[in-house]
Structure formats: C-alpha cells, structure tokens
Amino acid sequence: MNNKHMACTVLGMAIVGMAYATMGFHDKLKLAMDEEHAAKAAYDSAVFGCNAQQRSFVILREKTKAIREYLSQWEPHLKQTRNPQFGEALINLRIKQDDITTLSQGFETVEQDKSGTIPQTLRARLVFEDDYIKTLNWLAKLEGSMPAIRVSSCRLSKGQSGNDIKMELTVDVPIVEESEDGESKT
C-alpha cells in the first residue's frame, strides 16, 4: 500500500468518523428538541391550569362575598368570649348589673365541630324569679350585649308573688379561642 492509498484510507476513516459523530449530534439535538417541546407543552398545560384555578377562585370569591361580609360583621361578637371562664364571668356580670334574683345557675362546656367557626360553646342553665318586666328586660339586654348567644330554651311560669315570673333559661355562648398572635384558632 502506498502513501496515496494510506492517505485515502485515513481520509475515508475521518469522513466516516465525522459522519458518525454528526449522526450522534443530530440524534442528541432531536432528543433535546423533543424534550423542549414536551417541557413547553407541560408549561402551557400548567399555565392553562393555573388560569383555570384563578378563574375558579375569582368565581368562588364572588359567590361567597355576602357570606364573608356577614361573617366579618359577626366576628367581633363571636370573639367576645375567648374561653369558658370569660363567658361565665360575662353572664354573671350581666346578672349582677341588673340585680336579678337567681335561684340556680350551672355552666358546662359543650364541644362542637372542631373544624368549624365555633369549636365549642358554653351552655348556661339559669333559673330566675323576679319582677316580670325586670326579668324580660334583663333577657333583652343580655341578647343586646351578647348578640352571638343562642337561647336554647326559655320557660316562663308564674312566680310565687304578685308580678313575679320564674324563668328557666338555657343559653349557648360561642367560645372562639384566639392564638398568641391574636388570630382565632379556626
């Protein structure tokens, strides 16, 4: 084999090597472009999903606007009693302020739905016997000063003397505990 044949052979091998490398680079380029298209499709899908979720959020926010405004109006009243002891103290204060004759009173904490707005309530069972007008005005003042309470039962009967009535009252006071940062735990 002479020098010309040897040069042609080396040149041919170089051309084959370059063709093989070019095909490898072309395959890598095609693979990278396929990955780019897949990533772009995933991005477009994610953007579409994000936009759909944002639209859903805006629609939900508009649908619940009235409920959220209603809750924001009642929130200060719901947070009025932070714990059962405070609720008891408020009721006892209202009784002492109006000097209502109390025959008996009992308080118990009732667990509600833990994930709800009102996780527990203070149930107060009260029995009064006093002047008709004074007793009913006291109940009206209680409901006016603590509008979030719920009267579960109220039984009225004639008292022992003159214008007196006996009122057996059960009220539920919402207990909305607050965390250390001032936000309610719900």
N, C-alpha and C. Protein backbone atom coordinates (compact mmCIF):
# COMPACT_ATOMS: atom_id res chain seq x y z
N MET A 1 0.84 -1.15 0.00
CA MET A 1 0.00 0.00 0.00
C MET A 1 0.90 1.23 0.00
N ASN A 2 0.63 2.09 -0.86
CA ASN A 2 1.49 3.27 -0.94
C ASN A 2 0.88 4.41 -0.16
N ASN A 3 1.53 5.53 -0.20
CA ASN A 3 1.13 6.69 0.60
C ASN A 3 -0.24 7.23 0.18
N LYS A 4 -0.54 7.15 -1.10
CA LYS A 4 -1.81 7.67 -1.58
C LYS A 4 -2.96 6.81 -1.04
N HIS A 5 -2.76 5.49 -1.06
CA HIS A 5 -3.80 4.61 -0.55
C HIS A 5 -4.00 4.81 0.95
N MET A 6 -2.87 4.96 1.61
CA MET A 6 -2.92 5.16 3.06
C MET A 6 -3.64 6.48 3.39
N ALA A 7 -3.37 7.52 2.66
CA ALA A 7 -4.00 8.82 2.89
C ALA A 7 -5.49 8.73 2.60
N CYS A 8 -5.86 8.01 1.54
CA CYS A 8 -7.28 7.86 1.21
C CYS A 8 -8.00 7.07 2.31
N THR A 9 -7.32 6.03 2.80
CA THR A 9 -7.92 5.23 3.86
C THR A 9 -8.12 6.07 5.12
N VAL A 10 -7.13 6.84 5.52
CA VAL A 10 -7.23 7.69 6.72
C VAL A 10 -8.30 8.74 6.50
N LEU A 11 -8.31 9.34 5.29
CA LEU A 11 -9.31 10.35 4.97
C LEU A 11 -10.71 9.73 5.00
N GLY A 12 -10.85 8.53 4.46
CA GLY A 12 -12.15 7.85 4.47
C GLY A 12 -12.59 7.55 5.90
N MET A 13 -11.64 7.10 6.74
CA MET A 13 -11.98 6.84 8.13
C MET A 13 -12.37 8.12 8.86
N ALA A 14 -11.71 9.22 8.54
CA ALA A 14 -12.04 10.51 9.15
C ALA A 14 -13.44 10.94 8.72
N ILE A 15 -13.76 10.73 7.43
CA ILE A 15 -15.09 11.10 6.93
C ILE A 15 -16.15 10.24 7.59
N VAL A 16 -15.91 8.92 7.73
CA VAL A 16 -16.86 8.02 8.39
C VAL A 16 -17.02 8.44 9.85
N GLY A 17 -15.89 8.78 10.53
CA GLY A 17 -15.95 9.22 11.93
C GLY A 17 -16.76 10.49 12.08
N MET A 18 -16.53 11.43 11.14
CA MET A 18 -17.27 12.69 11.20
C MET A 18 -18.76 12.46 10.91
N ALA A 19 -19.07 11.56 9.99
CA ALA A 19 -20.46 11.25 9.67
C ALA A 19 -21.13 10.59 10.89
N TYR A 20 -20.39 9.66 11.54
CA TYR A 20 -20.93 9.01 12.73
C TYR A 20 -21.17 10.04 13.84
N ALA A 21 -20.19 10.95 14.06
CA ALA A 21 -20.34 11.99 15.08
C ALA A 21 -21.49 12.92 14.74
N THR A 22 -21.63 13.27 13.47
CA THR A 22 -22.71 14.16 13.04
C THR A 22 -24.07 13.50 13.29
N MET A 23 -24.18 12.19 12.99
CA MET A 23 -25.43 11.48 13.25
C MET A 23 -25.72 11.44 14.75
N GLY A 24 -24.69 11.25 15.59
CA GLY A 24 -24.87 11.25 17.04
C GLY A 24 -25.34 12.61 17.54
N PHE A 25 -24.68 13.65 17.02
CA PHE A 25 -25.08 15.02 17.42
C PHE A 25 -26.50 15.32 16.95
N HIS A 26 -26.84 14.84 15.74
CA HIS A 26 -28.19 15.07 15.22
C HIS A 26 -29.22 14.35 16.10
N ASP A 27 -28.93 13.12 16.54
CA ASP A 27 -29.85 12.39 17.43
C ASP A 27 -30.00 13.11 18.77
N LYS A 28 -28.86 13.62 19.31
CA LYS A 28 -28.93 14.37 20.59
C LYS A 28 -29.73 15.65 20.42
N LEU A 29 -29.54 16.34 19.27
CA LEU A 29 -30.29 17.57 19.00
C LEU A 29 -31.79 17.26 18.89
N LYS A 30 -32.12 16.16 18.19
CA LYS A 30 -33.53 15.78 18.05
C LYS A 30 -34.12 15.44 19.42
N LEU A 31 -33.37 14.73 20.26
CA LEU A 31 -33.84 14.38 21.60
C LEU A 31 -34.05 15.64 22.45
N ALA A 32 -33.10 16.59 22.34
CA ALA A 32 -33.23 17.84 23.09
C ALA A 32 -34.44 18.64 22.60
N MET A 33 -34.68 18.65 21.31
CA MET A 33 -35.84 19.38 20.78
C MET A 33 -37.15 18.72 21.22
N ASP A 34 -37.16 17.38 21.26
CA ASP A 34 -38.36 16.68 21.74
C ASP A 34 -38.61 17.03 23.22
N GLU A 35 -37.54 17.05 24.01
CA GLU A 35 -37.68 17.43 25.42
C GLU A 35 -38.16 18.87 25.56
N GLU A 36 -37.66 19.74 24.67
CA GLU A 36 -38.11 21.14 24.70
C GLU A 36 -39.60 21.23 24.41
N HIS A 37 -40.06 20.48 23.40
CA HIS A 37 -41.49 20.51 23.06
C HIS A 37 -42.33 19.94 24.21
N ALA A 38 -41.85 18.87 24.83
CA ALA A 38 -42.58 18.29 25.96
C ALA A 38 -42.62 19.27 27.13
N ALA A 39 -41.49 19.94 27.41
CA ALA A 39 -41.46 20.92 28.50
C ALA A 39 -42.37 22.10 28.19
N LYS A 40 -42.36 22.53 26.94
CA LYS A 40 -43.22 23.65 26.56
C LYS A 40 -44.70 23.26 26.68
N ALA A 41 -45.03 22.03 26.28
CA ALA A 41 -46.41 21.56 26.41
C ALA A 41 -46.80 21.47 27.88
N ALA A 42 -45.89 20.99 28.73
CA ALA A 42 -46.17 20.92 30.18
C ALA A 42 -46.35 22.32 30.75
N TYR A 43 -45.51 23.26 30.31
CA TYR A 43 -45.62 24.65 30.77
C TYR A 43 -46.96 25.24 30.36
N ASP A 44 -47.33 25.05 29.08
CA ASP A 44 -48.61 25.57 28.59
C ASP A 44 -49.78 24.96 29.36
N SER A 45 -49.69 23.65 29.62
CA SER A 45 -50.73 22.98 30.39
C SER A 45 -50.81 23.54 31.81
N ALA A 46 -49.65 23.78 32.43
CA ALA A 46 -49.62 24.33 33.79
C ALA A 46 -50.18 25.76 33.80
N VAL A 47 -49.84 26.56 32.81
CA VAL A 47 -50.36 27.93 32.73
C VAL A 47 -51.88 27.89 32.55
N PHE A 48 -52.35 26.99 31.68
CA PHE A 48 -53.79 26.86 31.47
C PHE A 48 -54.48 26.44 32.77
N GLY A 49 -53.90 25.46 33.47
CA GLY A 49 -54.47 25.00 34.75
C GLY A 49 -54.47 26.11 35.79
N CYS A 50 -53.39 26.88 35.83
CA CYS A 50 -53.29 27.99 36.78
C CYS A 50 -54.36 29.04 36.47
N ASN A 51 -54.53 29.37 35.21
CA ASN A 51 -55.54 30.35 34.83
C ASN A 51 -56.95 29.84 35.17
N ALA A 52 -57.18 28.55 34.94
CA ALA A 52 -58.48 27.97 35.26
C ALA A 52 -58.73 28.04 36.77
N GLN A 53 -57.70 27.74 37.57
CA GLN A 53 -57.84 27.81 39.02
C GLN A 53 -58.06 29.25 39.48
N GLN A 54 -57.39 30.19 38.85
CA GLN A 54 -57.59 31.60 39.22
C GLN A 54 -59.01 32.04 38.89
N ARG A 55 -59.52 31.61 37.74
CA ARG A 55 -60.91 31.95 37.39
C ARG A 55 -61.87 31.32 38.39
N SER A 56 -61.62 30.07 38.76
CA SER A 56 -62.47 29.39 39.75
C SER A 56 -62.42 30.12 41.09
N PHE A 57 -61.22 30.57 41.46
CA PHE A 57 -61.06 31.30 42.71
C PHE A 57 -61.84 32.61 42.68
N VAL A 58 -61.76 33.34 41.58
CA VAL A 58 -62.48 34.61 41.46
C VAL A 58 -63.99 34.36 41.52
N ILE A 59 -64.47 33.32 40.86
CA ILE A 59 -65.90 32.99 40.88
C ILE A 59 -66.32 32.61 42.30
N LEU A 60 -65.52 31.78 42.97
CA LEU A 60 -65.83 31.37 44.33
C LEU A 60 -65.81 32.56 45.28
N ARG A 61 -64.84 33.45 45.09
CA ARG A 61 -64.76 34.65 45.93
C ARG A 61 -66.00 35.52 45.75
N GLU A 62 -66.47 35.65 44.52
CA GLU A 62 -67.68 36.44 44.26
C GLU A 62 -68.92 35.76 44.84
N LYS A 63 -68.98 34.42 44.73
CA LYS A 63 -70.14 33.70 45.26
C LYS A 63 -70.21 33.80 46.79
N THR A 64 -69.06 33.82 47.44
CA THR A 64 -69.04 33.82 48.91
C THR A 64 -68.86 35.21 49.51
N LYS A 65 -68.92 36.23 48.68
CA LYS A 65 -68.71 37.60 49.16
C LYS A 65 -69.72 37.96 50.25
N ALA A 66 -70.98 37.67 50.03
CA ALA A 66 -72.01 38.03 51.01
C ALA A 66 -71.81 37.26 52.32
N ILE A 67 -71.45 35.98 52.21
CA ILE A 67 -71.23 35.18 53.42
C ILE A 67 -70.02 35.70 54.19
N ARG A 68 -68.95 36.03 53.47
CA ARG A 68 -67.75 36.54 54.14
C ARG A 68 -68.00 37.90 54.79
N GLU A 69 -68.79 38.75 54.14
CA GLU A 69 -69.14 40.04 54.75
C GLU A 69 -69.99 39.84 55.99
N TYR A 70 -70.92 38.89 55.92
CA TYR A 70 -71.77 38.57 57.06
C TYR A 70 -70.91 38.07 58.23
N LEU A 71 -69.98 37.17 57.93
CA LEU A 71 -69.09 36.65 58.97
C LEU A 71 -68.22 37.76 59.55
N SER A 72 -67.74 38.66 58.72
CA SER A 72 -66.88 39.73 59.24
C SER A 72 -67.67 40.67 60.17
N GLN A 73 -68.99 40.82 59.92
CA GLN A 73 -69.80 41.64 60.82
C GLN A 73 -70.00 40.94 62.17
N TRP A 74 -70.11 39.63 62.15
CA TRP A 74 -70.36 38.88 63.38
C TRP A 74 -69.09 38.48 64.11
N GLU A 75 -67.95 38.55 63.46
CA GLU A 75 -66.70 38.08 64.06
C GLU A 75 -66.38 38.75 65.40
N PRO A 76 -66.54 40.07 65.54
CA PRO A 76 -66.26 40.66 66.87
C PRO A 76 -67.17 40.10 67.96
N HIS A 77 -68.42 39.81 67.62
CA HIS A 77 -69.35 39.26 68.61
C HIS A 77 -68.99 37.82 68.95
N LEU A 78 -68.53 37.07 67.94
CA LEU A 78 -68.13 35.69 68.18
C LEU A 78 -66.86 35.63 69.04
N LYS A 79 -65.98 36.59 68.86
CA LYS A 79 -64.72 36.60 69.62
C LYS A 79 -64.89 37.26 70.99
N GLN A 80 -66.10 37.66 71.31
CA GLN A 80 -66.37 38.33 72.58
C GLN A 80 -66.02 37.43 73.77
N THR A 81 -66.22 36.14 73.63
CA THR A 81 -65.89 35.20 74.71
C THR A 81 -64.78 34.28 74.22
N ARG A 82 -63.59 34.47 74.78
CA ARG A 82 -62.40 33.74 74.35
C ARG A 82 -62.24 32.40 75.04
N ASN A 83 -62.84 32.24 76.21
CA ASN A 83 -62.75 30.97 76.93
C ASN A 83 -63.98 30.81 77.82
N PRO A 84 -64.25 29.61 78.30
CA PRO A 84 -65.47 29.39 79.10
C PRO A 84 -65.54 30.25 80.37
N GLN A 85 -64.40 30.46 81.01
CA GLN A 85 -64.39 31.26 82.24
C GLN A 85 -64.81 32.70 81.95
N PHE A 86 -64.36 33.23 80.84
CA PHE A 86 -64.72 34.59 80.45
C PHE A 86 -66.21 34.67 80.15
N GLY A 87 -66.76 33.64 79.51
CA GLY A 87 -68.19 33.61 79.22
C GLY A 87 -69.02 33.57 80.50
N GLU A 88 -68.59 32.75 81.47
CA GLU A 88 -69.27 32.70 82.76
C GLU A 88 -69.25 34.06 83.43
N ALA A 89 -68.06 34.68 83.41
CA ALA A 89 -67.91 35.98 84.06
C ALA A 89 -68.82 37.03 83.40
N LEU A 90 -68.94 36.99 82.08
CA LEU A 90 -69.82 37.95 81.39
C LEU A 90 -71.28 37.77 81.80
N ILE A 91 -71.73 36.54 81.85
CA ILE A 91 -73.13 36.29 82.23
C ILE A 91 -73.36 36.70 83.68
N ASN A 92 -72.45 36.33 84.57
CA ASN A 92 -72.59 36.71 85.98
C ASN A 92 -72.56 38.23 86.16
N LEU A 93 -71.74 38.90 85.36
CA LEU A 93 -71.69 40.36 85.41
C LEU A 93 -73.03 40.95 85.00
N ARG A 94 -73.64 40.40 83.94
CA ARG A 94 -74.95 40.90 83.49
C ARG A 94 -76.01 40.66 84.57
N ILE A 95 -75.92 39.53 85.27
CA ILE A 95 -76.89 39.23 86.34
C ILE A 95 -76.71 40.22 87.48
N LYS A 96 -75.47 40.48 87.87
CA LYS A 96 -75.22 41.40 88.99
C LYS A 96 -75.57 42.83 88.64
N GLN A 97 -75.31 43.23 87.38
CA GLN A 97 -75.61 44.60 86.99
C GLN A 97 -77.10 44.92 87.12
N ASP A 98 -77.95 43.99 86.77
CA ASP A 98 -79.40 44.24 86.82
C ASP A 98 -80.04 43.69 88.09
N ASP A 99 -79.24 43.13 88.98
CA ASP A 99 -79.71 42.66 90.28
C ASP A 99 -80.93 41.75 90.13
N ILE A 100 -80.76 40.70 89.32
CA ILE A 100 -81.82 39.72 89.11
C ILE A 100 -81.67 38.62 90.16
N THR A 101 -82.80 38.19 90.75
CA THR A 101 -82.77 37.13 91.74
C THR A 101 -82.57 35.79 91.04
N THR A 102 -81.45 35.17 91.35
CA THR A 102 -81.08 33.91 90.71
C THR A 102 -81.36 32.76 91.67
N LEU A 103 -82.15 31.80 91.22
CA LEU A 103 -82.44 30.62 92.04
C LEU A 103 -81.35 29.56 91.85
N SER A 104 -80.90 29.38 90.62
CA SER A 104 -79.81 28.43 90.37
C SER A 104 -79.14 28.78 89.04
N GLN A 105 -77.91 28.35 88.93
CA GLN A 105 -77.19 28.52 87.68
C GLN A 105 -76.15 27.42 87.55
N GLY A 106 -75.96 26.97 86.33
CA GLY A 106 -74.98 25.93 86.06
C GLY A 106 -74.36 26.18 84.68
N PHE A 107 -73.08 25.88 84.56
CA PHE A 107 -72.38 26.11 83.31
C PHE A 107 -71.66 24.83 82.91
N GLU A 108 -71.66 24.54 81.62
CA GLU A 108 -70.89 23.42 81.11
C GLU A 108 -70.38 23.77 79.71
N THR A 109 -69.21 23.21 79.38
CA THR A 109 -68.63 23.43 78.06
C THR A 109 -69.07 22.29 77.16
N VAL A 110 -69.58 22.64 75.99
CA VAL A 110 -70.07 21.65 75.03
C VAL A 110 -69.18 21.73 73.79
N GLU A 111 -68.59 20.59 73.41
CA GLU A 111 -67.73 20.55 72.23
C GLU A 111 -68.59 20.56 70.96
N GLN A 112 -68.20 21.38 70.02
CA GLN A 112 -68.89 21.45 68.72
C GLN A 112 -67.94 20.86 67.68
N ASP A 113 -68.14 21.20 66.44
CA ASP A 113 -67.29 20.76 65.34
C ASP A 113 -65.93 21.47 65.46
N LYS A 114 -64.86 20.70 65.67
CA LYS A 114 -63.51 21.28 65.86
C LYS A 114 -63.05 22.07 64.65
N SER A 115 -63.46 21.69 63.45
CA SER A 115 -63.00 22.40 62.26
C SER A 115 -63.93 23.56 61.90
N GLY A 116 -64.99 23.75 62.63
CA GLY A 116 -65.94 24.82 62.33
C GLY A 116 -65.52 26.16 62.89
N THR A 117 -66.35 27.16 62.66
CA THR A 117 -66.08 28.50 63.15
C THR A 117 -66.18 28.56 64.66
N ILE A 118 -67.10 27.80 65.23
CA ILE A 118 -67.31 27.79 66.68
C ILE A 118 -66.98 26.38 67.19
N PRO A 119 -65.77 26.17 67.72
CA PRO A 119 -65.36 24.83 68.14
C PRO A 119 -66.05 24.35 69.41
N GLN A 120 -66.46 25.26 70.27
CA GLN A 120 -67.14 24.85 71.50
C GLN A 120 -68.05 25.98 71.98
N THR A 121 -69.02 25.60 72.81
CA THR A 121 -69.92 26.60 73.38
C THR A 121 -69.99 26.39 74.89
N LEU A 122 -70.34 27.46 75.56
CA LEU A 122 -70.59 27.41 76.99
C LEU A 122 -72.11 27.38 77.16
N ARG A 123 -72.61 26.30 77.73
CA ARG A 123 -74.06 26.19 77.94
C ARG A 123 -74.35 26.63 79.38
N ALA A 124 -75.16 27.67 79.50
CA ALA A 124 -75.54 28.20 80.81
C ALA A 124 -77.00 27.85 81.07
N ARG A 125 -77.23 27.19 82.19
CA ARG A 125 -78.60 26.87 82.62
C ARG A 125 -78.90 27.76 83.82
N LEU A 126 -79.84 28.68 83.63
CA LEU A 126 -80.13 29.69 84.65
C LEU A 126 -81.61 29.64 85.03
N VAL A 127 -81.87 29.83 86.31
CA VAL A 127 -83.26 29.91 86.78
C VAL A 127 -83.38 31.19 87.60
N PHE A 128 -84.30 32.06 87.19
CA PHE A 128 -84.54 33.34 87.86
C PHE A 128 -85.97 33.40 88.35
N GLU A 129 -86.17 34.20 89.40
CA GLU A 129 -87.52 34.56 89.80
C GLU A 129 -87.46 36.00 90.27
N ASP A 130 -88.09 36.86 89.48
CA ASP A 130 -88.05 38.28 89.80
C ASP A 130 -89.23 38.94 89.09
N ASP A 131 -89.27 40.26 89.16
CA ASP A 131 -90.34 41.04 88.54
C ASP A 131 -90.40 40.75 87.04
N TYR A 132 -91.62 40.65 86.54
CA TYR A 132 -91.87 40.30 85.14
C TYR A 132 -91.10 41.21 84.18
N ILE A 133 -91.29 42.51 84.31
CA ILE A 133 -90.67 43.48 83.40
C ILE A 133 -89.15 43.46 83.56
N LYS A 134 -88.68 43.43 84.79
CA LYS A 134 -87.25 43.43 85.06
C LYS A 134 -86.57 42.19 84.46
N THR A 135 -87.20 41.04 84.58
CA THR A 135 -86.62 39.79 84.09
C THR A 135 -86.57 39.77 82.56
N LEU A 136 -87.66 40.16 81.92
CA LEU A 136 -87.67 40.17 80.45
C LEU A 136 -86.75 41.25 79.90
N ASN A 137 -86.65 42.40 80.56
CA ASN A 137 -85.70 43.42 80.13
C ASN A 137 -84.26 42.93 80.28
N TRP A 138 -84.01 42.15 81.35
CA TRP A 138 -82.67 41.60 81.53
C TRP A 138 -82.32 40.67 80.36
N LEU A 139 -83.26 39.83 79.96
CA LEU A 139 -83.03 38.92 78.83
C LEU A 139 -82.77 39.73 77.56
N ALA A 140 -83.52 40.79 77.33
CA ALA A 140 -83.30 41.62 76.15
C ALA A 140 -81.93 42.28 76.18
N LYS A 141 -81.52 42.77 77.37
CA LYS A 141 -80.19 43.38 77.50
C LYS A 141 -79.09 42.36 77.27
N LEU A 142 -79.30 41.12 77.75
CA LEU A 142 -78.32 40.06 77.55
C LEU A 142 -78.15 39.79 76.06
N GLU A 143 -79.25 39.66 75.36
CA GLU A 143 -79.17 39.41 73.92
C GLU A 143 -78.60 40.61 73.17
N GLY A 144 -78.84 41.81 73.67
CA GLY A 144 -78.29 43.00 73.03
C GLY A 144 -76.79 43.14 73.26
N SER A 145 -76.33 42.78 74.46
CA SER A 145 -74.90 42.93 74.76
C SER A 145 -74.08 41.74 74.26
N MET A 146 -74.71 40.59 74.09
CA MET A 146 -74.03 39.39 73.60
C MET A 146 -74.85 38.81 72.45
N PRO A 147 -74.87 39.45 71.28
CA PRO A 147 -75.77 39.03 70.21
C PRO A 147 -75.44 37.66 69.62
N ALA A 148 -74.27 37.12 69.90
CA ALA A 148 -73.91 35.81 69.33
C ALA A 148 -74.44 34.65 70.15
N ILE A 149 -75.03 34.92 71.32
CA ILE A 149 -75.56 33.81 72.11
C ILE A 149 -76.81 33.26 71.46
N ARG A 150 -77.11 32.01 71.79
CA ARG A 150 -78.31 31.38 71.28
C ARG A 150 -79.14 30.91 72.47
N VAL A 151 -80.38 31.33 72.51
CA VAL A 151 -81.28 30.88 73.56
C VAL A 151 -81.80 29.50 73.13
N SER A 152 -81.37 28.47 73.86
CA SER A 152 -81.79 27.10 73.53
C SER A 152 -83.20 26.83 74.04
N SER A 153 -83.47 27.30 75.26
CA SER A 153 -84.82 27.14 75.79
C SER A 153 -85.10 28.25 76.79
N CYS A 154 -86.35 28.62 76.85
CA CYS A 154 -86.79 29.64 77.80
C CYS A 154 -88.21 29.28 78.21
N ARG A 155 -88.34 28.91 79.49
CA ARG A 155 -89.67 28.57 80.02
C ARG A 155 -90.06 29.61 81.06
N LEU A 156 -91.22 30.16 80.87
CA LEU A 156 -91.74 31.16 81.80
C LEU A 156 -92.93 30.57 82.55
N SER A 157 -92.96 30.84 83.84
CA SER A 157 -94.11 30.41 84.65
C SER A 157 -94.37 31.47 85.71
N LYS A 158 -95.51 31.40 86.32
CA LYS A 158 -95.88 32.38 87.34
C LYS A 158 -94.96 32.23 88.54
N GLY A 159 -94.55 33.36 89.08
CA GLY A 159 -93.71 33.38 90.27
C GLY A 159 -94.54 33.19 91.53
N GLN A 160 -93.86 33.25 92.66
CA GLN A 160 -94.54 32.99 93.93
C GLN A 160 -95.34 34.19 94.42
N SER A 161 -94.98 35.38 93.96
CA SER A 161 -95.73 36.54 94.47
C SER A 161 -96.04 37.51 93.34
N GLY A 162 -97.09 38.23 93.47
CA GLY A 162 -97.54 39.33 92.63
C GLY A 162 -97.16 39.28 91.17
N ASN A 163 -96.25 40.18 90.81
CA ASN A 163 -95.87 40.39 89.42
C ASN A 163 -94.60 39.61 89.05
N ASP A 164 -94.24 38.65 89.88
CA ASP A 164 -93.01 37.88 89.63
C ASP A 164 -93.26 36.76 88.62
N ILE A 165 -92.21 36.46 87.87
CA ILE A 165 -92.24 35.29 86.99
C ILE A 165 -90.99 34.46 87.27
N LYS A 166 -91.12 33.20 86.97
CA LYS A 166 -89.99 32.29 87.07
C LYS A 166 -89.55 31.99 85.65
N MET A 167 -88.26 32.22 85.38
CA MET A 167 -87.74 31.99 84.03
C MET A 167 -86.64 30.94 84.13
N GLU A 168 -86.84 29.84 83.40
CA GLU A 168 -85.81 28.81 83.27
C GLU A 168 -85.20 29.00 81.89
N LEU A 169 -83.92 29.38 81.86
CA LEU A 169 -83.28 29.81 80.63
C LEU A 169 -82.04 28.97 80.37
N THR A 170 -81.89 28.52 79.14
CA THR A 170 -80.67 27.83 78.70
C THR A 170 -80.13 28.60 77.50
N VAL A 171 -78.90 29.08 77.64
CA VAL A 171 -78.27 29.82 76.55
C VAL A 171 -76.94 29.17 76.21
N ASP A 172 -76.59 29.22 74.92
CA ASP A 172 -75.31 28.73 74.44
C ASP A 172 -74.47 29.93 74.01
N VAL A 173 -73.30 30.07 74.62
CA VAL A 173 -72.39 31.17 74.33
C VAL A 173 -71.25 30.61 73.49
N PRO A 174 -71.01 31.15 72.28
CA PRO A 174 -69.92 30.62 71.46
C PRO A 174 -68.57 30.95 72.08
N ILE A 175 -67.67 29.97 72.06
CA ILE A 175 -66.31 30.16 72.56
C ILE A 175 -65.37 30.04 71.36
N VAL A 176 -64.75 31.15 71.00
CA VAL A 176 -63.79 31.17 69.90
C VAL A 176 -62.46 31.58 70.49
N GLU A 177 -61.60 30.58 70.74
CA GLU A 177 -60.30 30.85 71.36
C GLU A 177 -59.38 31.51 70.35
N GLU A 178 -58.52 32.39 70.83
CA GLU A 178 -57.56 33.07 69.98
C GLU A 178 -56.17 32.53 70.25
N SER A 179 -55.34 32.52 69.21
CA SER A 179 -53.95 32.10 69.38
C SER A 179 -53.14 33.26 69.91
N GLU A 180 -51.85 33.02 70.09
CA GLU A 180 -50.98 34.04 70.66
C GLU A 180 -50.84 35.28 69.77
N ASP A 181 -50.97 35.12 68.44
CA ASP A 181 -50.81 36.26 67.54
C ASP A 181 -52.11 37.05 67.35
N GLY A 182 -53.16 36.71 68.10
CA GLY A 182 -54.40 37.49 68.05
C GLY A 182 -55.40 36.96 67.05
N GLU A 183 -55.04 35.94 66.27
CA GLU A 183 -55.95 35.37 65.29
C GLU A 183 -56.75 34.28 65.95
N SER A 184 -57.98 34.07 65.49
CA SER A 184 -58.77 32.97 66.05
C SER A 184 -58.18 31.66 65.55
N LYS A 185 -58.33 30.60 66.36
CA LYS A 185 -57.75 29.32 66.03
C LYS A 185 -58.50 28.60 64.93
N THR A 186 -59.62 29.12 64.49
CA THR A 186 -60.39 28.45 63.46
C THR A 186 -59.90 28.79 62.10
